[in-house]
Amino acid sequence: MKYMIASDIHGSEYYCRKTAEAFEREKADRLILLGDILYHGPRNDLPEGYAPKAVIGILNGMKDKIMCVRGNCDSEVDQMVLNFPILADYALLLFGGRLVYITHGHNFNLEKLPPLSGGDILLHGHTHVPAWQEFGNGNLYLNPGSVSIPKENSPHGYMTAEDGTFLWKTLDGEVYHELSAEGNK
C-alpha cells in the first residue's frame, strides 16, 4: 500500500489542488492529512489562494481516500462541513514492521512524547518544517513539512511511504530526501 502524507493546508485552494494533483500523480492508495485543514490560524499570514470553501469541495471529493488527524487550527465546526473524520488526536499505522504514531504535533512531539516503544515512529506536521531524525531507543521523528506555508526555506511539499521507504518530495514530485524505515539511505 502506498501512502501520501501531507500537512498544514491552512485553507489554501491553490495548494490543496496541487496536493490533490500530486496524490493522483503518485497513484497513492491513501492520503494521510496531519491537520490544519481549513483555517490559517492567527500566527500565519493568509496562504496563497486562501479559499476554505473550495478546499472543502476538493477534499470531500476524495473522502474515501483520506485519513486525517486534528490540528490545532481544526475544530468541530470544520467537521460539520468535511465528510471524513478530522477530530482524532492521533492514529496508529503499521509500516515497514514499525508502529507509526500519527498526530498533528501540537500536543505530542519530541518535547512531549506520546507512549512509544523502541523503534516506533513519531509522524507529525505542525512545525511546517520537514524532518527526519532519530531519537530515543531506535525511534524516528518524521515530518512532511507544509504544503501551503513552509518555513525555514523548506519547499512546499509532502511525503510518500511505500515498501518500507519514506520519500520527501516537492509538490512537483521532485524527491529531495529518502529514508528507509531501517534508517537513512
N, C-alpha and C. Protein backbone atom coordinates (compact mmCIF):
# COMPACT_ATOMS: atom_id res chain seq x y z
N MET A 1 0.84 -1.18 0.00
CA MET A 1 0.00 0.00 0.00
C MET A 1 0.89 1.24 0.00
N LYS A 2 0.50 2.21 -0.80
CA LYS A 2 1.25 3.46 -0.88
C LYS A 2 0.45 4.57 -0.20
N TYR A 3 1.13 5.29 0.70
CA TYR A 3 0.54 6.42 1.41
C TYR A 3 1.19 7.71 0.94
N MET A 4 0.37 8.74 0.80
CA MET A 4 0.89 10.09 0.62
C MET A 4 0.54 10.84 1.90
N ILE A 5 1.51 11.58 2.44
CA ILE A 5 1.35 12.24 3.73
C ILE A 5 1.56 13.74 3.53
N ALA A 6 0.56 14.53 3.93
CA ALA A 6 0.64 15.98 3.76
C ALA A 6 0.13 16.66 5.03
N SER A 7 0.54 17.90 5.21
CA SER A 7 0.13 18.62 6.41
C SER A 7 -0.04 20.10 6.13
N ASP A 8 -0.85 20.72 6.97
CA ASP A 8 -0.94 22.18 7.04
C ASP A 8 -1.34 22.83 5.72
N ILE A 9 -2.53 22.46 5.23
CA ILE A 9 -3.10 23.10 4.04
C ILE A 9 -3.55 24.52 4.36
N HIS A 10 -4.06 24.72 5.55
CA HIS A 10 -4.46 26.04 6.06
C HIS A 10 -5.39 26.81 5.12
N GLY A 11 -6.33 26.11 4.49
CA GLY A 11 -7.36 26.79 3.70
C GLY A 11 -6.95 27.24 2.32
N SER A 12 -5.77 26.85 1.85
CA SER A 12 -5.30 27.28 0.53
C SER A 12 -5.87 26.39 -0.57
N GLU A 13 -6.79 26.95 -1.36
CA GLU A 13 -7.31 26.21 -2.50
C GLU A 13 -6.18 25.89 -3.47
N TYR A 14 -5.30 26.84 -3.71
CA TYR A 14 -4.20 26.65 -4.65
C TYR A 14 -3.35 25.44 -4.26
N TYR A 15 -2.90 25.38 -3.01
CA TYR A 15 -2.03 24.29 -2.60
C TYR A 15 -2.80 23.00 -2.34
N CYS A 16 -4.07 23.09 -2.01
CA CYS A 16 -4.88 21.88 -1.89
C CYS A 16 -5.04 21.23 -3.26
N ARG A 17 -5.27 22.03 -4.30
CA ARG A 17 -5.36 21.48 -5.66
C ARG A 17 -4.04 20.82 -6.07
N LYS A 18 -2.94 21.48 -5.76
CA LYS A 18 -1.63 20.91 -6.09
C LYS A 18 -1.41 19.59 -5.33
N THR A 19 -1.90 19.53 -4.08
CA THR A 19 -1.79 18.31 -3.29
C THR A 19 -2.64 17.20 -3.91
N ALA A 20 -3.85 17.53 -4.31
CA ALA A 20 -4.74 16.55 -4.96
C ALA A 20 -4.12 16.07 -6.28
N GLU A 21 -3.51 16.97 -7.04
CA GLU A 21 -2.84 16.58 -8.29
C GLU A 21 -1.67 15.65 -8.00
N ALA A 22 -0.90 15.95 -6.94
CA ALA A 22 0.23 15.10 -6.57
C ALA A 22 -0.27 13.72 -6.15
N PHE A 23 -1.39 13.68 -5.43
CA PHE A 23 -1.98 12.41 -5.00
C PHE A 23 -2.33 11.55 -6.21
N GLU A 24 -2.93 12.16 -7.21
CA GLU A 24 -3.27 11.43 -8.44
C GLU A 24 -2.01 10.98 -9.17
N ARG A 25 -1.03 11.86 -9.26
CA ARG A 25 0.23 11.53 -9.95
C ARG A 25 0.95 10.39 -9.23
N GLU A 26 0.91 10.40 -7.90
CA GLU A 26 1.58 9.36 -7.10
C GLU A 26 0.87 8.01 -7.18
N LYS A 27 -0.41 8.04 -7.57
CA LYS A 27 -1.21 6.82 -7.56
C LYS A 27 -1.19 6.16 -6.18
N ALA A 28 -1.29 7.00 -5.15
CA ALA A 28 -1.29 6.51 -3.77
C ALA A 28 -2.66 5.92 -3.43
N ASP A 29 -2.65 5.01 -2.48
CA ASP A 29 -3.89 4.37 -2.04
C ASP A 29 -4.63 5.23 -1.02
N ARG A 30 -3.89 5.93 -0.17
CA ARG A 30 -4.49 6.76 0.88
C ARG A 30 -3.70 8.06 1.02
N LEU A 31 -4.44 9.12 1.38
CA LEU A 31 -3.85 10.41 1.70
C LEU A 31 -3.99 10.61 3.20
N ILE A 32 -2.87 10.70 3.89
CA ILE A 32 -2.86 10.96 5.33
C ILE A 32 -2.64 12.45 5.51
N LEU A 33 -3.63 13.13 6.11
CA LEU A 33 -3.54 14.56 6.38
C LEU A 33 -3.25 14.76 7.86
N LEU A 34 -2.22 15.54 8.16
CA LEU A 34 -1.77 15.73 9.53
C LEU A 34 -2.33 16.99 10.17
N GLY A 35 -3.51 17.41 9.73
CA GLY A 35 -4.21 18.50 10.40
C GLY A 35 -3.98 19.88 9.82
N ASP A 36 -4.69 20.85 10.42
CA ASP A 36 -4.72 22.24 9.98
C ASP A 36 -5.18 22.33 8.52
N ILE A 37 -6.45 21.97 8.34
CA ILE A 37 -7.03 21.81 7.02
C ILE A 37 -7.58 23.12 6.45
N LEU A 38 -8.50 23.77 7.17
CA LEU A 38 -9.25 24.89 6.59
C LEU A 38 -8.82 26.28 7.06
N TYR A 39 -8.39 26.41 8.28
CA TYR A 39 -8.12 27.74 8.86
C TYR A 39 -6.63 28.03 8.86
N HIS A 40 -6.25 29.28 8.60
CA HIS A 40 -4.83 29.63 8.53
C HIS A 40 -4.21 29.87 9.89
N GLY A 41 -5.02 30.15 10.92
CA GLY A 41 -4.50 30.36 12.26
C GLY A 41 -4.01 31.78 12.46
N PRO A 42 -4.00 32.26 13.70
CA PRO A 42 -3.63 33.65 13.98
C PRO A 42 -2.14 33.95 13.83
N ARG A 43 -1.29 32.92 13.79
CA ARG A 43 0.15 33.15 13.70
C ARG A 43 0.66 33.16 12.26
N ASN A 44 -0.19 32.75 11.31
CA ASN A 44 0.24 32.64 9.92
C ASN A 44 -0.41 33.72 9.07
N ASP A 45 0.31 34.17 8.06
CA ASP A 45 -0.30 35.02 7.05
C ASP A 45 -1.24 34.15 6.22
N LEU A 46 -2.16 34.79 5.51
CA LEU A 46 -3.03 34.03 4.61
C LEU A 46 -2.18 33.35 3.54
N PRO A 47 -2.39 32.06 3.32
CA PRO A 47 -1.64 31.39 2.26
C PRO A 47 -2.18 31.79 0.89
N GLU A 48 -1.37 31.55 -0.12
CA GLU A 48 -1.79 31.82 -1.50
C GLU A 48 -3.08 31.06 -1.80
N GLY A 49 -4.05 31.75 -2.40
CA GLY A 49 -5.30 31.11 -2.80
C GLY A 49 -6.17 30.72 -1.64
N TYR A 50 -6.17 31.50 -0.55
CA TYR A 50 -6.96 31.16 0.63
C TYR A 50 -8.44 31.14 0.27
N ALA A 51 -9.04 29.97 0.33
CA ALA A 51 -10.45 29.78 -0.01
C ALA A 51 -10.92 28.48 0.64
N PRO A 52 -11.18 28.51 1.97
CA PRO A 52 -11.54 27.29 2.68
C PRO A 52 -12.73 26.55 2.09
N LYS A 53 -13.73 27.26 1.57
CA LYS A 53 -14.89 26.57 1.00
C LYS A 53 -14.49 25.74 -0.22
N ALA A 54 -13.55 26.21 -0.99
CA ALA A 54 -13.07 25.44 -2.14
C ALA A 54 -12.29 24.22 -1.68
N VAL A 55 -11.51 24.37 -0.60
CA VAL A 55 -10.77 23.24 -0.03
C VAL A 55 -11.74 22.15 0.41
N ILE A 56 -12.87 22.57 1.01
CA ILE A 56 -13.90 21.61 1.42
C ILE A 56 -14.33 20.76 0.23
N GLY A 57 -14.64 21.40 -0.88
CA GLY A 57 -15.09 20.67 -2.07
C GLY A 57 -14.04 19.71 -2.60
N ILE A 58 -12.79 20.16 -2.65
CA ILE A 58 -11.71 19.30 -3.16
C ILE A 58 -11.56 18.07 -2.28
N LEU A 59 -11.45 18.28 -0.98
CA LEU A 59 -11.20 17.16 -0.08
C LEU A 59 -12.41 16.25 0.08
N ASN A 60 -13.61 16.81 0.09
CA ASN A 60 -14.80 15.95 0.17
C ASN A 60 -14.90 15.05 -1.05
N GLY A 61 -14.39 15.50 -2.19
CA GLY A 61 -14.37 14.66 -3.39
C GLY A 61 -13.40 13.50 -3.28
N MET A 62 -12.52 13.54 -2.28
CA MET A 62 -11.52 12.48 -2.06
C MET A 62 -11.79 11.73 -0.75
N LYS A 63 -12.95 11.94 -0.16
CA LYS A 63 -13.21 11.50 1.21
C LYS A 63 -12.93 10.02 1.47
N ASP A 64 -13.13 9.17 0.50
CA ASP A 64 -12.91 7.74 0.70
C ASP A 64 -11.43 7.36 0.69
N LYS A 65 -10.56 8.31 0.38
CA LYS A 65 -9.11 8.05 0.32
C LYS A 65 -8.34 8.72 1.46
N ILE A 66 -9.04 9.50 2.32
CA ILE A 66 -8.37 10.34 3.32
C ILE A 66 -8.44 9.75 4.71
N MET A 67 -7.30 9.79 5.40
CA MET A 67 -7.22 9.55 6.84
C MET A 67 -6.64 10.84 7.42
N CYS A 68 -7.25 11.38 8.47
CA CYS A 68 -6.86 12.70 8.96
C CYS A 68 -6.81 12.72 10.48
N VAL A 69 -5.87 13.48 11.02
CA VAL A 69 -5.85 13.78 12.45
C VAL A 69 -6.08 15.27 12.64
N ARG A 70 -6.47 15.63 13.85
CA ARG A 70 -6.85 17.01 14.17
C ARG A 70 -5.62 17.88 14.42
N GLY A 71 -5.62 19.05 13.77
CA GLY A 71 -4.59 20.03 14.03
C GLY A 71 -5.07 21.07 15.02
N ASN A 72 -4.18 21.93 15.46
CA ASN A 72 -4.55 22.95 16.44
C ASN A 72 -5.46 24.02 15.84
N CYS A 73 -5.57 24.10 14.53
CA CYS A 73 -6.48 25.05 13.88
C CYS A 73 -7.79 24.40 13.44
N ASP A 74 -7.97 23.11 13.70
CA ASP A 74 -9.18 22.40 13.29
C ASP A 74 -10.18 22.36 14.45
N SER A 75 -11.47 22.42 14.12
CA SER A 75 -12.49 22.45 15.17
C SER A 75 -13.73 21.65 14.78
N GLU A 76 -14.66 21.57 15.71
CA GLU A 76 -15.90 20.84 15.47
C GLU A 76 -16.68 21.42 14.30
N VAL A 77 -16.63 22.73 14.13
CA VAL A 77 -17.37 23.34 13.01
C VAL A 77 -16.77 22.91 11.67
N ASP A 78 -15.47 22.68 11.63
CA ASP A 78 -14.83 22.17 10.42
C ASP A 78 -15.35 20.77 10.10
N GLN A 79 -15.52 19.96 11.15
CA GLN A 79 -16.02 18.60 10.95
C GLN A 79 -17.43 18.62 10.37
N MET A 80 -18.19 19.66 10.65
CA MET A 80 -19.56 19.75 10.14
C MET A 80 -19.60 19.87 8.62
N VAL A 81 -18.53 20.37 8.00
CA VAL A 81 -18.52 20.57 6.55
C VAL A 81 -17.63 19.58 5.80
N LEU A 82 -16.79 18.86 6.52
CA LEU A 82 -15.93 17.87 5.89
C LEU A 82 -16.54 16.48 6.07
N ASN A 83 -16.58 15.70 5.01
CA ASN A 83 -17.26 14.41 5.01
C ASN A 83 -16.35 13.23 5.32
N PHE A 84 -15.29 13.48 6.06
CA PHE A 84 -14.39 12.43 6.53
C PHE A 84 -13.94 12.85 7.93
N PRO A 85 -13.62 11.90 8.81
CA PRO A 85 -13.25 12.26 10.19
C PRO A 85 -11.98 13.08 10.26
N ILE A 86 -12.02 14.17 11.06
CA ILE A 86 -10.83 15.02 11.22
C ILE A 86 -10.49 15.29 12.69
N LEU A 87 -11.28 14.78 13.62
CA LEU A 87 -11.13 15.20 15.01
C LEU A 87 -10.35 14.24 15.90
N ALA A 88 -9.78 13.18 15.35
CA ALA A 88 -8.96 12.26 16.15
C ALA A 88 -7.63 12.95 16.48
N ASP A 89 -7.20 12.83 17.73
CA ASP A 89 -5.92 13.43 18.12
C ASP A 89 -4.73 12.65 17.60
N TYR A 90 -4.95 11.36 17.31
CA TYR A 90 -3.85 10.55 16.78
C TYR A 90 -4.42 9.34 16.05
N ALA A 91 -3.57 8.70 15.30
CA ALA A 91 -3.89 7.44 14.63
C ALA A 91 -2.65 6.57 14.69
N LEU A 92 -2.83 5.27 14.58
CA LEU A 92 -1.72 4.33 14.57
C LEU A 92 -1.73 3.56 13.27
N LEU A 93 -0.55 3.29 12.75
CA LEU A 93 -0.41 2.59 11.49
C LEU A 93 0.83 1.70 11.57
N LEU A 94 0.77 0.51 11.01
CA LEU A 94 1.96 -0.32 10.89
C LEU A 94 2.57 -0.07 9.52
N PHE A 95 3.88 0.18 9.50
CA PHE A 95 4.56 0.45 8.23
C PHE A 95 5.98 -0.11 8.33
N GLY A 96 6.33 -0.93 7.37
CA GLY A 96 7.69 -1.48 7.36
C GLY A 96 8.03 -2.22 8.64
N GLY A 97 7.03 -2.86 9.26
CA GLY A 97 7.26 -3.58 10.50
C GLY A 97 7.37 -2.70 11.73
N ARG A 98 7.08 -1.40 11.59
CA ARG A 98 7.19 -0.47 12.71
C ARG A 98 5.85 0.20 12.96
N LEU A 99 5.58 0.52 14.22
CA LEU A 99 4.38 1.26 14.57
C LEU A 99 4.62 2.75 14.29
N VAL A 100 3.69 3.37 13.59
CA VAL A 100 3.78 4.81 13.31
C VAL A 100 2.68 5.50 14.11
N TYR A 101 3.08 6.40 14.99
CA TYR A 101 2.16 7.21 15.78
C TYR A 101 1.96 8.51 15.02
N ILE A 102 0.74 8.70 14.50
CA ILE A 102 0.42 9.84 13.63
C ILE A 102 -0.36 10.87 14.43
N THR A 103 0.12 12.10 14.45
CA THR A 103 -0.55 13.18 15.17
C THR A 103 -0.20 14.50 14.50
N HIS A 104 -0.81 15.59 14.95
CA HIS A 104 -0.51 16.88 14.32
C HIS A 104 0.83 17.44 14.81
N GLY A 105 1.11 17.33 16.09
CA GLY A 105 2.38 17.82 16.63
C GLY A 105 2.23 18.90 17.68
N HIS A 106 1.04 19.44 17.87
CA HIS A 106 0.88 20.49 18.88
C HIS A 106 0.73 19.91 20.28
N ASN A 107 0.23 18.68 20.41
CA ASN A 107 0.12 18.03 21.72
C ASN A 107 1.26 17.05 21.96
N PHE A 108 1.55 16.22 20.97
CA PHE A 108 2.64 15.25 21.08
C PHE A 108 3.70 15.58 20.05
N ASN A 109 4.96 15.61 20.52
CA ASN A 109 6.09 15.97 19.68
C ASN A 109 7.36 15.48 20.39
N LEU A 110 8.52 15.88 19.92
CA LEU A 110 9.77 15.43 20.53
C LEU A 110 9.94 15.90 21.96
N GLU A 111 9.32 17.02 22.32
CA GLU A 111 9.44 17.53 23.68
C GLU A 111 8.38 16.95 24.61
N LYS A 112 7.28 16.46 24.06
CA LYS A 112 6.23 15.80 24.84
C LYS A 112 5.80 14.56 24.05
N LEU A 113 6.52 13.48 24.31
CA LEU A 113 6.33 12.26 23.53
C LEU A 113 5.04 11.53 23.89
N PRO A 114 4.41 10.94 22.88
CA PRO A 114 3.31 10.02 23.16
C PRO A 114 3.91 8.71 23.69
N PRO A 115 3.08 7.76 24.10
CA PRO A 115 3.63 6.48 24.55
C PRO A 115 4.20 5.70 23.36
N LEU A 116 5.51 5.65 23.27
CA LEU A 116 6.20 4.95 22.19
C LEU A 116 7.08 3.85 22.76
N SER A 117 7.22 2.78 22.01
CA SER A 117 8.19 1.73 22.32
C SER A 117 9.41 1.95 21.44
N GLY A 118 10.49 1.27 21.78
CA GLY A 118 11.70 1.36 20.98
C GLY A 118 11.41 0.99 19.53
N GLY A 119 11.91 1.78 18.60
CA GLY A 119 11.72 1.52 17.18
C GLY A 119 10.48 2.14 16.57
N ASP A 120 9.56 2.65 17.40
CA ASP A 120 8.35 3.28 16.87
C ASP A 120 8.69 4.59 16.17
N ILE A 121 7.79 5.02 15.30
CA ILE A 121 7.96 6.26 14.53
C ILE A 121 6.93 7.28 14.98
N LEU A 122 7.38 8.50 15.22
CA LEU A 122 6.51 9.63 15.52
C LEU A 122 6.40 10.47 14.24
N LEU A 123 5.20 10.58 13.70
CA LEU A 123 4.95 11.31 12.47
C LEU A 123 4.01 12.47 12.79
N HIS A 124 4.48 13.68 12.56
CA HIS A 124 3.59 14.84 12.75
C HIS A 124 3.97 15.99 11.84
N GLY A 125 3.03 16.92 11.71
CA GLY A 125 3.23 18.16 10.96
C GLY A 125 3.47 19.30 11.94
N HIS A 126 2.65 20.34 11.87
CA HIS A 126 2.59 21.46 12.81
C HIS A 126 3.75 22.46 12.68
N THR A 127 4.97 22.01 12.56
CA THR A 127 6.11 22.95 12.53
C THR A 127 6.30 23.59 11.17
N HIS A 128 5.73 22.99 10.12
CA HIS A 128 5.88 23.44 8.74
C HIS A 128 7.30 23.25 8.23
N VAL A 129 8.09 22.41 8.91
CA VAL A 129 9.48 22.16 8.56
C VAL A 129 9.67 20.65 8.38
N PRO A 130 10.12 20.21 7.21
CA PRO A 130 10.37 18.78 7.02
C PRO A 130 11.42 18.27 8.01
N ALA A 131 11.25 17.02 8.45
CA ALA A 131 12.20 16.46 9.40
C ALA A 131 12.30 14.96 9.24
N TRP A 132 13.48 14.44 9.54
CA TRP A 132 13.78 13.02 9.61
C TRP A 132 14.91 12.92 10.62
N GLN A 133 14.58 12.46 11.81
CA GLN A 133 15.54 12.49 12.91
C GLN A 133 15.39 11.25 13.78
N GLU A 134 16.51 10.64 14.10
CA GLU A 134 16.50 9.52 15.03
C GLU A 134 16.51 10.07 16.45
N PHE A 135 15.84 9.35 17.36
CA PHE A 135 15.85 9.73 18.77
C PHE A 135 15.54 8.50 19.61
N GLY A 136 15.75 8.64 20.91
CA GLY A 136 15.36 7.59 21.85
C GLY A 136 16.00 6.26 21.56
N ASN A 137 15.21 5.21 21.66
CA ASN A 137 15.68 3.83 21.51
C ASN A 137 15.38 3.32 20.10
N GLY A 138 16.05 3.90 19.10
CA GLY A 138 15.83 3.49 17.72
C GLY A 138 14.56 4.06 17.11
N ASN A 139 14.05 5.14 17.70
CA ASN A 139 12.84 5.78 17.19
C ASN A 139 13.18 6.76 16.08
N LEU A 140 12.17 7.08 15.28
CA LEU A 140 12.30 8.09 14.22
C LEU A 140 11.23 9.15 14.40
N TYR A 141 11.62 10.40 14.18
CA TYR A 141 10.66 11.50 14.09
C TYR A 141 10.64 11.94 12.64
N LEU A 142 9.44 11.96 12.03
CA LEU A 142 9.27 12.34 10.63
C LEU A 142 8.24 13.45 10.52
N ASN A 143 8.48 14.39 9.60
CA ASN A 143 7.57 15.50 9.37
C ASN A 143 7.62 15.84 7.88
N PRO A 144 6.45 15.90 7.20
CA PRO A 144 6.46 16.21 5.77
C PRO A 144 6.65 17.68 5.46
N GLY A 145 6.63 18.55 6.47
CA GLY A 145 6.62 19.99 6.22
C GLY A 145 5.20 20.44 5.94
N SER A 146 5.06 21.54 5.22
CA SER A 146 3.74 22.09 4.92
C SER A 146 3.55 22.21 3.42
N VAL A 147 2.33 21.90 2.96
CA VAL A 147 2.05 22.09 1.54
C VAL A 147 1.84 23.56 1.21
N SER A 148 1.32 24.37 2.16
CA SER A 148 0.95 25.74 1.80
C SER A 148 1.79 26.83 2.44
N ILE A 149 2.32 26.61 3.65
CA ILE A 149 3.08 27.65 4.33
C ILE A 149 4.37 27.04 4.90
N PRO A 150 5.30 26.62 4.03
CA PRO A 150 6.54 26.03 4.54
C PRO A 150 7.39 27.08 5.26
N LYS A 151 8.16 26.62 6.22
CA LYS A 151 9.02 27.53 6.99
C LYS A 151 10.47 27.08 6.90
N GLU A 152 11.36 27.98 7.30
CA GLU A 152 12.81 27.75 7.29
C GLU A 152 13.31 27.39 5.89
N ASN A 153 12.81 28.09 4.88
CA ASN A 153 13.23 27.92 3.49
C ASN A 153 13.03 26.50 2.97
N SER A 154 12.08 25.78 3.54
CA SER A 154 11.78 24.43 3.04
C SER A 154 10.79 24.53 1.88
N PRO A 155 10.70 23.48 1.07
CA PRO A 155 9.80 23.52 -0.08
C PRO A 155 8.34 23.26 0.31
N HIS A 156 7.42 23.70 -0.53
CA HIS A 156 6.03 23.26 -0.43
C HIS A 156 6.09 21.77 -0.77
N GLY A 157 5.74 20.90 0.19
CA GLY A 157 5.95 19.50 -0.11
C GLY A 157 5.14 18.55 0.72
N TYR A 158 5.43 17.27 0.52
CA TYR A 158 4.73 16.16 1.14
C TYR A 158 5.69 14.98 1.23
N MET A 159 5.21 13.88 1.79
CA MET A 159 5.96 12.64 1.85
C MET A 159 5.16 11.52 1.22
N THR A 160 5.85 10.49 0.80
CA THR A 160 5.20 9.23 0.45
C THR A 160 5.82 8.14 1.32
N ALA A 161 5.05 7.09 1.54
CA ALA A 161 5.52 5.93 2.29
C ALA A 161 5.06 4.69 1.53
N GLU A 162 6.04 3.89 1.12
CA GLU A 162 5.73 2.68 0.36
C GLU A 162 6.89 1.71 0.46
N ASP A 163 6.57 0.43 0.63
CA ASP A 163 7.58 -0.63 0.63
C ASP A 163 8.73 -0.35 1.61
N GLY A 164 8.40 0.18 2.80
CA GLY A 164 9.42 0.42 3.81
C GLY A 164 10.28 1.65 3.58
N THR A 165 9.90 2.50 2.63
CA THR A 165 10.68 3.69 2.31
C THR A 165 9.83 4.94 2.37
N PHE A 166 10.38 5.99 2.99
CA PHE A 166 9.76 7.31 3.02
C PHE A 166 10.50 8.21 2.04
N LEU A 167 9.74 8.96 1.25
CA LEU A 167 10.33 9.94 0.34
C LEU A 167 9.73 11.30 0.64
N TRP A 168 10.58 12.33 0.73
CA TRP A 168 10.12 13.72 0.86
C TRP A 168 10.20 14.32 -0.53
N LYS A 169 9.10 14.96 -0.95
CA LYS A 169 9.01 15.48 -2.31
C LYS A 169 8.46 16.91 -2.31
N THR A 170 8.87 17.66 -3.33
CA THR A 170 8.24 18.95 -3.58
C THR A 170 6.86 18.67 -4.17
N LEU A 171 6.00 19.67 -4.20
CA LEU A 171 4.67 19.47 -4.78
C LEU A 171 4.73 19.12 -6.27
N ASP A 172 5.86 19.39 -6.91
CA ASP A 172 6.03 18.99 -8.31
C ASP A 172 6.51 17.54 -8.44
N GLY A 173 6.76 16.88 -7.32
CA GLY A 173 7.15 15.47 -7.34
C GLY A 173 8.64 15.21 -7.28
N GLU A 174 9.46 16.25 -7.14
CA GLU A 174 10.91 16.08 -7.07
C GLU A 174 11.31 15.55 -5.69
N VAL A 175 12.01 14.42 -5.66
CA VAL A 175 12.48 13.83 -4.40
C VAL A 175 13.66 14.64 -3.89
N TYR A 176 13.60 15.06 -2.62
CA TYR A 176 14.75 15.74 -2.05
C TYR A 176 15.31 15.04 -0.82
N HIS A 177 14.63 13.98 -0.34
CA HIS A 177 15.19 13.15 0.72
C HIS A 177 14.54 11.78 0.70
N GLU A 178 15.33 10.76 1.03
CA GLU A 178 14.83 9.39 1.08
C GLU A 178 15.29 8.75 2.38
N LEU A 179 14.39 7.97 2.99
CA LEU A 179 14.71 7.31 4.25
C LEU A 179 14.05 5.94 4.27
N SER A 180 14.83 4.93 4.57
CA SER A 180 14.28 3.59 4.75
C SER A 180 13.71 3.52 6.16
N ALA A 181 12.70 2.71 6.37
CA ALA A 181 12.16 2.51 7.71
C ALA A 181 13.27 1.95 8.63
N GLU A 182 14.35 1.49 8.03
CA GLU A 182 15.51 1.00 8.79
C GLU A 182 16.49 2.11 9.14
N GLY A 183 16.39 3.29 8.50
CA GLY A 183 17.31 4.41 8.75
C GLY A 183 17.63 5.14 7.48
N ASN A 184 18.54 6.11 7.55
CA ASN A 184 18.90 6.94 6.40
C ASN A 184 19.51 6.13 5.28
N LYS A 185 19.24 6.55 4.04
CA LYS A 185 19.88 5.96 2.85
C LYS A 185 20.88 6.94 2.31
